[in-house]
Amino acid sequence: MLKTIVCIVGLASLVLCAAGRVSQVSYIGCYLDNEARDLKGLTGVSKIGQFSIGSLMLSSASMTHELCSRVCSLGGFPYFGVQVGLQCFCGTSYGSLGAANASDCNSVCSGNGASKCGGEWRISVFALTYPYKKYFEQTQMPNQTVESTQSTYWTSADKTKAECLMMCEASADCQAVIFSGQQRLCHLLRFAYPPASLSSTDGDYFVRG
């Protein structure tokens, strides 16, 4: 079943298009971090939408658990972490450097004084659960893109639209699809925004529900 929506682009688009991607956010605990970083999911990524990424993290003076979870949900990451009040990390694993005392994660989130966002080299780690229904939402191609030094998509040729969507549904790494009908090319995207190199591609754009 295909459900069609139109996502508003601009400042609200990240929130609007990603809000329905996460069904549950669960706090795991406080963990150690250092310059090698525990959560490394944003390796190579320099920009997601309007947010600049540096040193594997998003830094924001308006950081909240909700903001970090929405950014990380664009890549389907199972974990996110917040640190020193304003830093956000995404990852596929956590705890490589060991657990910290719960009281060490005592920095107030810069965007919500009622929540804690890690501490100095201490990261508050959360788990993300996704509904992943077996349908896709067809949208206009967003003008928000992902910029990365590493590939954020893979392409399969000679596919129908249905085959393309089934390939995405079968892969946890696939968050969206660009299907070019004339060329029968299926571009499977690792983020719910297209990479800059495919932003002008002619085709139908689908985001995983």
N, C-alpha and C. Protein backbone atom coordinates (compact mmCIF):
# COMPACT_ATOMS: atom_id res chain seq x y z
N MET A 1 0.84 -1.18 0.00
CA MET A 1 0.00 0.00 0.00
C MET A 1 0.88 1.24 0.00
N LEU A 2 0.61 2.19 -0.89
CA LEU A 2 1.38 3.42 -0.93
C LEU A 2 0.52 4.57 -0.45
N LYS A 3 1.06 5.31 0.46
CA LYS A 3 0.35 6.45 1.03
C LYS A 3 1.08 7.71 0.59
N THR A 4 0.38 8.68 0.04
CA THR A 4 1.02 9.89 -0.47
C THR A 4 0.86 11.04 0.50
N ILE A 5 1.99 11.69 0.81
CA ILE A 5 1.97 12.90 1.63
C ILE A 5 2.86 13.93 0.96
N VAL A 6 2.81 15.16 1.40
CA VAL A 6 3.72 16.21 0.94
C VAL A 6 4.39 16.79 2.17
N CYS A 7 5.72 16.73 2.22
CA CYS A 7 6.46 17.26 3.36
C CYS A 7 6.79 18.72 3.10
N ILE A 8 6.57 19.56 4.09
CA ILE A 8 6.91 20.98 3.99
C ILE A 8 8.40 21.12 4.13
N VAL A 9 9.04 21.84 3.22
CA VAL A 9 10.48 22.03 3.31
C VAL A 9 10.77 23.33 4.03
N GLY A 10 12.02 23.42 4.54
CA GLY A 10 12.37 24.58 5.33
C GLY A 10 12.71 24.14 6.74
N LEU A 11 12.67 25.05 7.69
CA LEU A 11 13.08 24.77 9.06
C LEU A 11 12.28 23.66 9.68
N ALA A 12 11.00 23.57 9.37
CA ALA A 12 10.14 22.57 10.02
C ALA A 12 10.22 21.20 9.37
N SER A 13 10.86 21.10 8.23
CA SER A 13 10.77 19.84 7.48
C SER A 13 11.40 18.68 8.22
N LEU A 14 12.53 18.91 8.90
CA LEU A 14 13.19 17.83 9.60
C LEU A 14 12.25 17.24 10.64
N VAL A 15 11.57 18.10 11.39
CA VAL A 15 10.65 17.64 12.42
C VAL A 15 9.43 16.98 11.79
N LEU A 16 8.87 17.62 10.77
CA LEU A 16 7.62 17.14 10.18
C LEU A 16 7.79 15.79 9.51
N CYS A 17 8.86 15.61 8.76
CA CYS A 17 9.03 14.38 7.99
C CYS A 17 9.58 13.25 8.83
N ALA A 18 10.22 13.56 9.95
CA ALA A 18 10.83 12.51 10.76
C ALA A 18 10.00 12.16 11.98
N ALA A 19 9.02 13.01 12.33
CA ALA A 19 8.30 12.84 13.59
C ALA A 19 7.64 11.48 13.71
N GLY A 20 7.14 10.93 12.61
CA GLY A 20 6.44 9.66 12.67
C GLY A 20 7.35 8.45 12.53
N ARG A 21 8.66 8.64 12.42
CA ARG A 21 9.56 7.53 12.17
C ARG A 21 9.87 6.73 13.43
N VAL A 22 9.78 7.34 14.61
CA VAL A 22 10.15 6.69 15.86
C VAL A 22 8.90 6.39 16.67
N SER A 23 8.78 5.15 17.13
CA SER A 23 7.62 4.79 17.95
C SER A 23 7.93 4.83 19.43
N GLN A 24 9.24 4.72 19.80
CA GLN A 24 9.59 4.73 21.21
C GLN A 24 11.02 5.17 21.40
N VAL A 25 11.25 5.98 22.44
CA VAL A 25 12.60 6.40 22.85
C VAL A 25 12.80 5.91 24.28
N SER A 26 13.88 5.15 24.51
CA SER A 26 14.13 4.56 25.82
C SER A 26 15.52 4.93 26.31
N TYR A 27 15.61 5.42 27.54
CA TYR A 27 16.91 5.76 28.11
C TYR A 27 17.65 4.49 28.51
N ILE A 28 18.93 4.40 28.11
CA ILE A 28 19.74 3.22 28.43
C ILE A 28 20.64 3.50 29.63
N GLY A 29 21.37 4.63 29.58
CA GLY A 29 22.25 4.93 30.70
C GLY A 29 23.33 5.92 30.34
N CYS A 30 24.21 6.14 31.29
CA CYS A 30 25.32 7.09 31.15
C CYS A 30 26.59 6.32 30.84
N TYR A 31 27.32 6.75 29.81
CA TYR A 31 28.50 6.02 29.37
C TYR A 31 29.69 6.95 29.17
N LEU A 32 30.88 6.35 29.22
CA LEU A 32 32.11 7.09 29.01
C LEU A 32 32.28 7.44 27.53
N ASP A 33 32.98 8.52 27.27
CA ASP A 33 33.32 8.90 25.91
C ASP A 33 34.71 9.51 25.92
N ASN A 34 35.35 9.54 24.76
CA ASN A 34 36.62 10.25 24.61
C ASN A 34 36.73 10.71 23.17
N GLU A 35 37.91 11.18 22.78
CA GLU A 35 38.06 11.75 21.44
C GLU A 35 37.87 10.71 20.33
N ALA A 36 37.99 9.43 20.65
CA ALA A 36 37.75 8.38 19.65
C ALA A 36 36.27 8.20 19.38
N ARG A 37 35.43 8.61 20.31
CA ARG A 37 33.96 8.59 20.24
C ARG A 37 33.39 7.18 20.36
N ASP A 38 32.33 7.09 21.14
CA ASP A 38 31.61 5.84 21.34
C ASP A 38 30.58 5.62 20.23
N LEU A 39 29.77 6.64 19.93
CA LEU A 39 28.75 6.56 18.87
C LEU A 39 29.31 7.20 17.61
N LYS A 40 29.51 6.38 16.57
CA LYS A 40 30.24 6.83 15.37
C LYS A 40 29.40 6.78 14.10
N GLY A 41 28.08 6.79 14.22
CA GLY A 41 27.22 6.62 13.07
C GLY A 41 27.31 7.72 12.02
N LEU A 42 27.75 8.90 12.41
CA LEU A 42 27.81 10.02 11.47
C LEU A 42 29.20 10.19 10.86
N THR A 43 29.99 9.12 10.86
CA THR A 43 31.31 9.16 10.24
C THR A 43 31.19 9.59 8.78
N GLY A 44 31.96 10.59 8.40
CA GLY A 44 31.97 11.08 7.02
C GLY A 44 30.90 12.09 6.70
N VAL A 45 29.84 12.17 7.51
CA VAL A 45 28.73 13.09 7.23
C VAL A 45 29.11 14.51 7.65
N SER A 46 28.88 15.45 6.75
CA SER A 46 29.19 16.85 7.05
C SER A 46 27.95 17.73 7.18
N LYS A 47 26.81 17.22 6.67
CA LYS A 47 25.58 18.01 6.75
C LYS A 47 24.37 17.11 6.60
N ILE A 48 23.35 17.36 7.42
CA ILE A 48 22.04 16.71 7.29
C ILE A 48 21.00 17.82 7.28
N GLY A 49 20.38 18.05 6.12
CA GLY A 49 19.45 19.16 6.03
C GLY A 49 20.15 20.47 6.34
N GLN A 50 19.57 21.25 7.27
CA GLN A 50 20.18 22.54 7.61
C GLN A 50 21.23 22.42 8.70
N PHE A 51 21.49 21.20 9.19
CA PHE A 51 22.40 21.02 10.31
C PHE A 51 23.79 20.60 9.84
N SER A 52 24.80 21.32 10.29
CA SER A 52 26.19 20.97 10.00
C SER A 52 26.66 19.93 11.01
N ILE A 53 27.42 18.96 10.53
CA ILE A 53 27.95 17.89 11.36
C ILE A 53 29.47 18.02 11.38
N GLY A 54 30.05 17.99 12.55
CA GLY A 54 31.50 18.05 12.68
C GLY A 54 31.97 17.14 13.79
N SER A 55 33.07 16.44 13.57
CA SER A 55 33.62 15.51 14.57
C SER A 55 32.58 14.50 15.03
N LEU A 56 31.81 13.96 14.06
CA LEU A 56 30.80 12.92 14.28
C LEU A 56 29.59 13.39 15.06
N MET A 57 29.41 14.70 15.24
CA MET A 57 28.31 15.17 16.07
C MET A 57 27.62 16.40 15.49
N LEU A 58 26.39 16.57 15.93
CA LEU A 58 25.63 17.80 15.72
C LEU A 58 25.67 18.59 17.01
N SER A 59 26.09 19.84 16.95
CA SER A 59 26.07 20.72 18.12
C SER A 59 25.01 21.79 17.92
N SER A 60 24.18 21.99 18.94
CA SER A 60 23.11 22.97 18.83
C SER A 60 22.84 23.62 20.18
N ALA A 61 22.65 24.96 20.15
CA ALA A 61 22.30 25.69 21.36
C ALA A 61 20.86 25.42 21.76
N SER A 62 20.13 24.65 20.95
CA SER A 62 18.74 24.28 21.24
C SER A 62 18.59 22.77 21.38
N MET A 63 19.63 22.11 21.86
CA MET A 63 19.62 20.65 21.91
C MET A 63 18.60 20.11 22.91
N THR A 64 17.85 19.12 22.45
CA THR A 64 16.90 18.37 23.28
C THR A 64 17.01 16.90 22.90
N HIS A 65 16.44 16.04 23.72
CA HIS A 65 16.38 14.62 23.36
C HIS A 65 15.61 14.44 22.06
N GLU A 66 14.54 15.23 21.90
CA GLU A 66 13.68 15.11 20.72
C GLU A 66 14.42 15.50 19.45
N LEU A 67 15.19 16.58 19.51
CA LEU A 67 15.94 17.02 18.34
C LEU A 67 16.96 15.97 17.93
N CYS A 68 17.70 15.45 18.89
CA CYS A 68 18.72 14.46 18.57
C CYS A 68 18.09 13.18 18.01
N SER A 69 16.97 12.75 18.61
CA SER A 69 16.32 11.53 18.12
C SER A 69 15.82 11.71 16.70
N ARG A 70 15.31 12.89 16.37
CA ARG A 70 14.80 13.13 15.02
C ARG A 70 15.93 13.14 13.99
N VAL A 71 17.04 13.75 14.34
CA VAL A 71 18.18 13.76 13.43
C VAL A 71 18.66 12.33 13.19
N CYS A 72 18.83 11.57 14.27
CA CYS A 72 19.34 10.20 14.13
C CYS A 72 18.33 9.29 13.43
N SER A 73 17.04 9.57 13.59
CA SER A 73 16.03 8.74 12.93
C SER A 73 16.08 8.90 11.41
N LEU A 74 16.61 9.99 10.91
CA LEU A 74 16.73 10.17 9.46
C LEU A 74 17.67 9.13 8.85
N GLY A 75 18.56 8.59 9.68
CA GLY A 75 19.45 7.53 9.22
C GLY A 75 19.07 6.17 9.76
N GLY A 76 17.93 6.08 10.44
CA GLY A 76 17.47 4.82 10.98
C GLY A 76 18.37 4.24 12.07
N PHE A 77 19.12 5.10 12.75
CA PHE A 77 20.06 4.61 13.76
C PHE A 77 19.30 4.08 14.98
N PRO A 78 19.76 2.96 15.55
CA PRO A 78 19.08 2.41 16.72
C PRO A 78 19.42 3.12 18.03
N TYR A 79 20.48 3.94 18.03
CA TYR A 79 20.89 4.61 19.26
C TYR A 79 21.25 6.07 18.98
N PHE A 80 20.99 6.91 19.97
CA PHE A 80 21.52 8.27 19.93
C PHE A 80 22.01 8.63 21.31
N GLY A 81 22.91 9.60 21.35
CA GLY A 81 23.44 10.05 22.63
C GLY A 81 23.61 11.55 22.65
N VAL A 82 23.43 12.14 23.83
CA VAL A 82 23.60 13.58 24.01
C VAL A 82 24.68 13.80 25.06
N GLN A 83 25.45 14.85 24.86
CA GLN A 83 26.63 15.06 25.70
C GLN A 83 26.86 16.54 25.96
N VAL A 84 27.35 16.84 27.12
CA VAL A 84 27.74 18.17 27.58
C VAL A 84 26.70 19.25 27.22
N GLY A 85 25.43 18.87 27.24
CA GLY A 85 24.34 19.83 27.10
C GLY A 85 23.92 20.17 25.69
N LEU A 86 24.82 20.02 24.71
CA LEU A 86 24.49 20.53 23.36
C LEU A 86 24.97 19.67 22.21
N GLN A 87 25.57 18.51 22.49
CA GLN A 87 26.09 17.66 21.43
C GLN A 87 25.20 16.43 21.24
N CYS A 88 25.03 16.04 19.97
CA CYS A 88 24.19 14.90 19.60
C CYS A 88 25.00 13.94 18.73
N PHE A 89 24.95 12.66 19.09
CA PHE A 89 25.64 11.60 18.35
C PHE A 89 24.64 10.51 17.95
N CYS A 90 24.91 9.83 16.85
CA CYS A 90 24.09 8.70 16.40
C CYS A 90 24.99 7.47 16.30
N GLY A 91 24.38 6.27 16.44
CA GLY A 91 25.21 5.09 16.34
C GLY A 91 24.44 3.80 16.18
N THR A 92 25.17 2.76 15.79
CA THR A 92 24.60 1.42 15.67
C THR A 92 25.00 0.54 16.85
N SER A 93 25.87 1.06 17.73
CA SER A 93 26.28 0.35 18.94
C SER A 93 26.69 1.40 19.96
N TYR A 94 26.86 0.97 21.19
CA TYR A 94 27.26 1.90 22.25
C TYR A 94 28.01 1.12 23.33
N GLY A 95 28.64 1.87 24.26
CA GLY A 95 29.27 1.25 25.41
C GLY A 95 30.66 0.71 25.19
N SER A 96 31.31 1.07 24.09
CA SER A 96 32.64 0.53 23.78
C SER A 96 33.69 0.99 24.78
N LEU A 97 33.44 2.10 25.47
CA LEU A 97 34.40 2.66 26.42
C LEU A 97 33.99 2.41 27.87
N GLY A 98 32.86 1.73 28.05
CA GLY A 98 32.43 1.39 29.40
C GLY A 98 31.35 2.31 29.94
N ALA A 99 30.72 1.86 31.01
CA ALA A 99 29.66 2.64 31.66
C ALA A 99 30.25 3.66 32.62
N ALA A 100 29.50 4.74 32.83
CA ALA A 100 29.88 5.77 33.79
C ALA A 100 28.83 5.81 34.90
N ASN A 101 29.13 6.51 35.97
CA ASN A 101 28.15 6.70 37.04
C ASN A 101 26.97 7.50 36.52
N ALA A 102 25.78 7.11 36.90
CA ALA A 102 24.58 7.81 36.44
C ALA A 102 24.64 9.29 36.76
N SER A 103 25.23 9.63 37.90
CA SER A 103 25.30 11.03 38.32
C SER A 103 26.25 11.87 37.48
N ASP A 104 27.09 11.21 36.67
CA ASP A 104 28.03 11.96 35.81
C ASP A 104 27.31 12.63 34.65
N CYS A 105 26.16 12.12 34.25
CA CYS A 105 25.39 12.71 33.15
C CYS A 105 24.45 13.75 33.74
N ASN A 106 25.01 14.89 34.10
CA ASN A 106 24.24 15.91 34.83
C ASN A 106 24.18 17.25 34.14
N SER A 107 24.59 17.31 32.86
CA SER A 107 24.52 18.58 32.12
C SER A 107 23.09 18.82 31.65
N VAL A 108 22.59 20.02 31.87
CA VAL A 108 21.24 20.38 31.43
C VAL A 108 21.23 20.55 29.91
N CYS A 109 20.23 20.02 29.25
CA CYS A 109 20.10 20.19 27.81
C CYS A 109 19.92 21.66 27.48
N SER A 110 20.66 22.16 26.50
CA SER A 110 20.62 23.58 26.17
C SER A 110 19.25 24.03 25.67
N GLY A 111 18.45 23.09 25.14
CA GLY A 111 17.13 23.44 24.63
C GLY A 111 15.99 23.07 25.54
N ASN A 112 16.30 22.43 26.69
CA ASN A 112 15.25 22.02 27.62
C ASN A 112 15.86 21.89 29.01
N GLY A 113 15.64 22.88 29.85
CA GLY A 113 16.23 22.91 31.19
C GLY A 113 15.74 21.82 32.11
N ALA A 114 14.69 21.10 31.70
CA ALA A 114 14.14 20.03 32.54
C ALA A 114 14.76 18.67 32.24
N SER A 115 15.62 18.60 31.22
CA SER A 115 16.23 17.33 30.82
C SER A 115 17.74 17.39 30.95
N LYS A 116 18.35 16.22 31.09
CA LYS A 116 19.81 16.13 31.19
C LYS A 116 20.37 15.57 29.90
N CYS A 117 21.49 16.14 29.48
CA CYS A 117 22.15 15.75 28.24
C CYS A 117 23.62 15.44 28.52
N GLY A 118 23.87 14.32 29.15
CA GLY A 118 25.24 13.86 29.36
C GLY A 118 26.04 14.75 30.29
N GLY A 119 27.35 14.78 30.04
CA GLY A 119 28.27 15.58 30.85
C GLY A 119 29.59 15.71 30.13
N GLU A 120 30.63 16.13 30.84
CA GLU A 120 31.95 16.28 30.26
C GLU A 120 32.53 14.89 29.99
N TRP A 121 32.66 14.54 28.71
CA TRP A 121 33.09 13.21 28.28
C TRP A 121 32.22 12.10 28.87
N ARG A 122 30.96 12.44 29.06
CA ARG A 122 29.95 11.48 29.49
C ARG A 122 28.75 11.62 28.56
N ILE A 123 28.22 10.50 28.08
CA ILE A 123 27.15 10.56 27.08
C ILE A 123 25.92 9.81 27.57
N SER A 124 24.79 10.50 27.53
CA SER A 124 23.50 9.88 27.86
C SER A 124 23.01 9.16 26.61
N VAL A 125 22.87 7.84 26.70
CA VAL A 125 22.54 7.01 25.54
C VAL A 125 21.08 6.57 25.59
N PHE A 126 20.41 6.66 24.45
CA PHE A 126 19.00 6.28 24.30
C PHE A 126 18.86 5.30 23.16
N ALA A 127 17.86 4.43 23.25
CA ALA A 127 17.52 3.50 22.16
C ALA A 127 16.30 4.02 21.41
N LEU A 128 16.30 3.84 20.10
CA LEU A 128 15.19 4.23 19.24
C LEU A 128 14.52 2.97 18.69
N THR A 129 13.20 2.91 18.80
CA THR A 129 12.43 1.82 18.22
C THR A 129 11.59 2.37 17.09
N TYR A 130 11.59 1.68 15.94
CA TYR A 130 10.89 2.15 14.76
C TYR A 130 9.70 1.25 14.45
N PRO A 131 8.59 1.84 14.00
CA PRO A 131 7.43 1.02 13.64
C PRO A 131 7.65 0.22 12.37
N TYR A 132 8.31 0.83 11.37
CA TYR A 132 8.59 0.20 10.08
C TYR A 132 7.42 -0.62 9.54
N LYS A 133 6.33 0.08 9.29
CA LYS A 133 5.19 -0.55 8.63
C LYS A 133 5.59 -0.91 7.20
N LYS A 134 4.86 -1.81 6.60
CA LYS A 134 5.21 -2.28 5.26
C LYS A 134 4.56 -1.40 4.18
N TYR A 135 4.76 -0.12 4.29
CA TYR A 135 4.36 0.78 3.21
C TYR A 135 5.31 1.96 3.19
N PHE A 136 5.25 2.73 2.12
CA PHE A 136 6.11 3.88 1.95
C PHE A 136 5.26 5.10 1.67
N GLU A 137 5.77 6.25 2.07
CA GLU A 137 5.07 7.51 1.83
C GLU A 137 5.73 8.22 0.66
N GLN A 138 4.96 8.46 -0.40
CA GLN A 138 5.51 9.15 -1.56
C GLN A 138 5.45 10.65 -1.30
N THR A 139 6.57 11.32 -1.47
CA THR A 139 6.66 12.75 -1.20
C THR A 139 7.31 13.47 -2.36
N GLN A 140 7.24 14.78 -2.33
CA GLN A 140 8.05 15.57 -3.24
C GLN A 140 9.52 15.40 -2.85
N MET A 141 10.40 15.47 -3.82
CA MET A 141 11.82 15.39 -3.52
C MET A 141 12.20 16.56 -2.61
N PRO A 142 12.68 16.32 -1.39
CA PRO A 142 13.01 17.43 -0.50
C PRO A 142 14.22 18.20 -0.99
N ASN A 143 14.26 19.49 -0.68
CA ASN A 143 15.47 20.24 -1.02
C ASN A 143 16.51 20.16 0.08
N GLN A 144 16.17 19.47 1.17
CA GLN A 144 17.15 19.15 2.19
C GLN A 144 17.95 17.93 1.71
N THR A 145 19.27 17.94 1.89
CA THR A 145 20.10 16.85 1.42
C THR A 145 21.07 16.41 2.52
N VAL A 146 21.74 15.31 2.25
CA VAL A 146 22.82 14.82 3.11
C VAL A 146 24.13 14.95 2.35
N GLU A 147 25.13 15.51 3.01
CA GLU A 147 26.45 15.62 2.41
C GLU A 147 27.42 14.76 3.21
N SER A 148 28.19 13.92 2.51
CA SER A 148 29.08 12.99 3.19
C SER A 148 30.24 12.62 2.28
N THR A 149 31.37 12.32 2.90
CA THR A 149 32.53 11.84 2.14
C THR A 149 32.39 10.35 1.84
N GLN A 150 31.45 9.68 2.48
CA GLN A 150 31.18 8.28 2.22
C GLN A 150 29.84 8.14 1.50
N SER A 151 29.69 7.10 0.73
CA SER A 151 28.45 6.90 -0.02
C SER A 151 27.28 6.69 0.93
N THR A 152 26.17 7.38 0.65
CA THR A 152 24.97 7.23 1.47
C THR A 152 23.82 6.61 0.66
N TYR A 153 24.16 5.95 -0.45
CA TYR A 153 23.13 5.25 -1.23
C TYR A 153 23.78 4.15 -2.05
N TRP A 154 22.96 3.22 -2.53
CA TRP A 154 23.41 2.23 -3.50
C TRP A 154 22.33 2.06 -4.55
N THR A 155 22.72 1.65 -5.74
CA THR A 155 21.81 1.62 -6.89
C THR A 155 21.69 0.21 -7.45
N SER A 156 20.46 -0.15 -7.80
CA SER A 156 20.20 -1.43 -8.45
C SER A 156 19.46 -1.17 -9.76
N ALA A 157 19.90 -1.79 -10.82
CA ALA A 157 19.33 -1.55 -12.15
C ALA A 157 18.28 -2.60 -12.51
N ASP A 158 17.49 -2.27 -13.53
CA ASP A 158 16.48 -3.18 -14.09
C ASP A 158 15.48 -3.65 -13.04
N LYS A 159 14.93 -2.69 -12.31
CA LYS A 159 13.94 -3.00 -11.28
C LYS A 159 12.63 -2.29 -11.57
N THR A 160 11.54 -2.90 -11.16
CA THR A 160 10.25 -2.22 -11.19
C THR A 160 10.12 -1.41 -9.90
N LYS A 161 9.12 -0.55 -9.85
CA LYS A 161 8.91 0.24 -8.64
C LYS A 161 8.64 -0.67 -7.45
N ALA A 162 7.80 -1.69 -7.65
CA ALA A 162 7.47 -2.60 -6.55
C ALA A 162 8.71 -3.34 -6.06
N GLU A 163 9.56 -3.78 -6.98
CA GLU A 163 10.79 -4.47 -6.59
C GLU A 163 11.72 -3.54 -5.83
N CYS A 164 11.76 -2.30 -6.26
CA CYS A 164 12.61 -1.29 -5.61
C CYS A 164 12.17 -1.09 -4.15
N LEU A 165 10.87 -0.92 -3.94
CA LEU A 165 10.37 -0.70 -2.59
C LEU A 165 10.55 -1.95 -1.72
N MET A 166 10.41 -3.13 -2.30
CA MET A 166 10.62 -4.36 -1.53
C MET A 166 12.08 -4.51 -1.11
N MET A 167 12.99 -4.08 -1.97
CA MET A 167 14.40 -4.13 -1.61
C MET A 167 14.68 -3.22 -0.43
N CYS A 168 14.07 -2.04 -0.42
CA CYS A 168 14.28 -1.11 0.69
C CYS A 168 13.66 -1.67 1.97
N GLU A 169 12.46 -2.23 1.85
CA GLU A 169 11.77 -2.77 3.02
C GLU A 169 12.56 -3.90 3.67
N ALA A 170 13.32 -4.63 2.85
CA ALA A 170 14.07 -5.77 3.36
C ALA A 170 15.40 -5.39 4.00
N SER A 171 15.80 -4.13 3.88
CA SER A 171 17.10 -3.70 4.40
C SER A 171 16.92 -2.65 5.51
N ALA A 172 17.50 -2.91 6.67
CA ALA A 172 17.44 -1.95 7.77
C ALA A 172 18.22 -0.69 7.45
N ASP A 173 19.16 -0.77 6.49
CA ASP A 173 19.98 0.39 6.13
C ASP A 173 19.26 1.35 5.19
N CYS A 174 18.15 0.93 4.60
CA CYS A 174 17.44 1.75 3.62
C CYS A 174 16.34 2.56 4.28
N GLN A 175 16.40 3.88 4.12
CA GLN A 175 15.40 4.77 4.73
C GLN A 175 14.50 5.45 3.70
N ALA A 176 14.92 5.45 2.44
CA ALA A 176 14.14 6.11 1.39
C ALA A 176 14.58 5.58 0.04
N VAL A 177 13.78 5.90 -0.98
CA VAL A 177 14.02 5.38 -2.33
C VAL A 177 13.79 6.48 -3.35
N ILE A 178 14.64 6.52 -4.36
CA ILE A 178 14.36 7.29 -5.57
C ILE A 178 14.26 6.27 -6.71
N PHE A 179 13.09 6.19 -7.33
CA PHE A 179 12.90 5.25 -8.43
C PHE A 179 12.76 6.02 -9.73
N SER A 180 13.70 5.78 -10.65
CA SER A 180 13.67 6.41 -11.97
C SER A 180 13.06 5.41 -12.95
N GLY A 181 11.80 5.64 -13.31
CA GLY A 181 11.06 4.69 -14.12
C GLY A 181 11.63 4.50 -15.51
N GLN A 182 12.01 5.60 -16.18
CA GLN A 182 12.50 5.49 -17.56
C GLN A 182 13.79 4.67 -17.62
N GLN A 183 14.68 4.87 -16.66
CA GLN A 183 15.95 4.14 -16.64
C GLN A 183 15.85 2.83 -15.88
N ARG A 184 14.71 2.62 -15.18
CA ARG A 184 14.52 1.44 -14.33
C ARG A 184 15.64 1.31 -13.31
N LEU A 185 16.00 2.47 -12.73
CA LEU A 185 17.05 2.52 -11.71
C LEU A 185 16.42 2.71 -10.34
N CYS A 186 16.88 1.94 -9.39
CA CYS A 186 16.41 2.00 -8.02
C CYS A 186 17.55 2.49 -7.14
N HIS A 187 17.42 3.72 -6.61
CA HIS A 187 18.42 4.28 -5.71
C HIS A 187 17.92 4.09 -4.27
N LEU A 188 18.65 3.35 -3.47
CA LEU A 188 18.27 3.05 -2.10
C LEU A 188 19.10 3.92 -1.17
N LEU A 189 18.44 4.75 -0.36
CA LEU A 189 19.11 5.79 0.41
C LEU A 189 19.27 5.39 1.88
N ARG A 190 20.43 5.66 2.42
CA ARG A 190 20.70 5.35 3.82
C ARG A 190 20.13 6.40 4.77
N PHE A 191 19.74 7.56 4.24
CA PHE A 191 19.09 8.61 5.03
C PHE A 191 17.76 8.96 4.38
N ALA A 192 16.87 9.54 5.17
CA ALA A 192 15.56 9.94 4.64
C ALA A 192 15.62 11.21 3.82
N TYR A 193 16.82 11.78 3.66
CA TYR A 193 17.06 12.86 2.72
C TYR A 193 18.00 12.33 1.64
N PRO A 194 17.87 12.81 0.41
CA PRO A 194 18.76 12.32 -0.65
C PRO A 194 20.16 12.89 -0.50
N PRO A 195 21.17 12.18 -0.99
CA PRO A 195 22.51 12.78 -1.06
C PRO A 195 22.49 13.92 -2.06
N ALA A 196 23.37 14.88 -1.88
CA ALA A 196 23.41 16.04 -2.77
C ALA A 196 23.58 15.62 -4.22
N SER A 197 24.30 14.54 -4.48
CA SER A 197 24.56 14.10 -5.86
C SER A 197 23.31 13.59 -6.56
N LEU A 198 22.27 13.23 -5.81
CA LEU A 198 21.03 12.72 -6.41
C LEU A 198 19.86 13.70 -6.27
N SER A 199 20.12 14.88 -5.75
CA SER A 199 19.03 15.81 -5.45
C SER A 199 18.27 16.29 -6.68
N SER A 200 18.91 16.23 -7.84
CA SER A 200 18.24 16.66 -9.08
C SER A 200 17.82 15.47 -9.94
N THR A 201 17.88 14.27 -9.39
CA THR A 201 17.50 13.07 -10.13
C THR A 201 16.01 13.07 -10.44
N ASP A 202 15.67 12.74 -11.66
CA ASP A 202 14.27 12.67 -12.07
C ASP A 202 13.72 11.30 -11.67
N GLY A 203 12.73 11.30 -10.77
CA GLY A 203 12.15 10.03 -10.35
C GLY A 203 11.18 10.22 -9.21
N ASP A 204 10.56 9.14 -8.79
CA ASP A 204 9.62 9.17 -7.67
C ASP A 204 10.38 8.94 -6.37
N TYR A 205 10.01 9.73 -5.36
CA TYR A 205 10.72 9.70 -4.08
C TYR A 205 9.79 9.11 -3.01
N PHE A 206 10.26 8.10 -2.31
CA PHE A 206 9.49 7.42 -1.27
C PHE A 206 10.28 7.38 0.03
N VAL A 207 9.61 7.69 1.13
CA VAL A 207 10.23 7.60 2.45
C VAL A 207 9.61 6.42 3.18
N ARG A 208 10.44 5.65 3.83
CA ARG A 208 9.98 4.47 4.56
C ARG A 208 9.06 4.88 5.71
N GLY A 209 7.91 4.19 5.83
CA GLY A 209 6.92 4.54 6.84
C GLY A 209 7.32 4.09 8.21
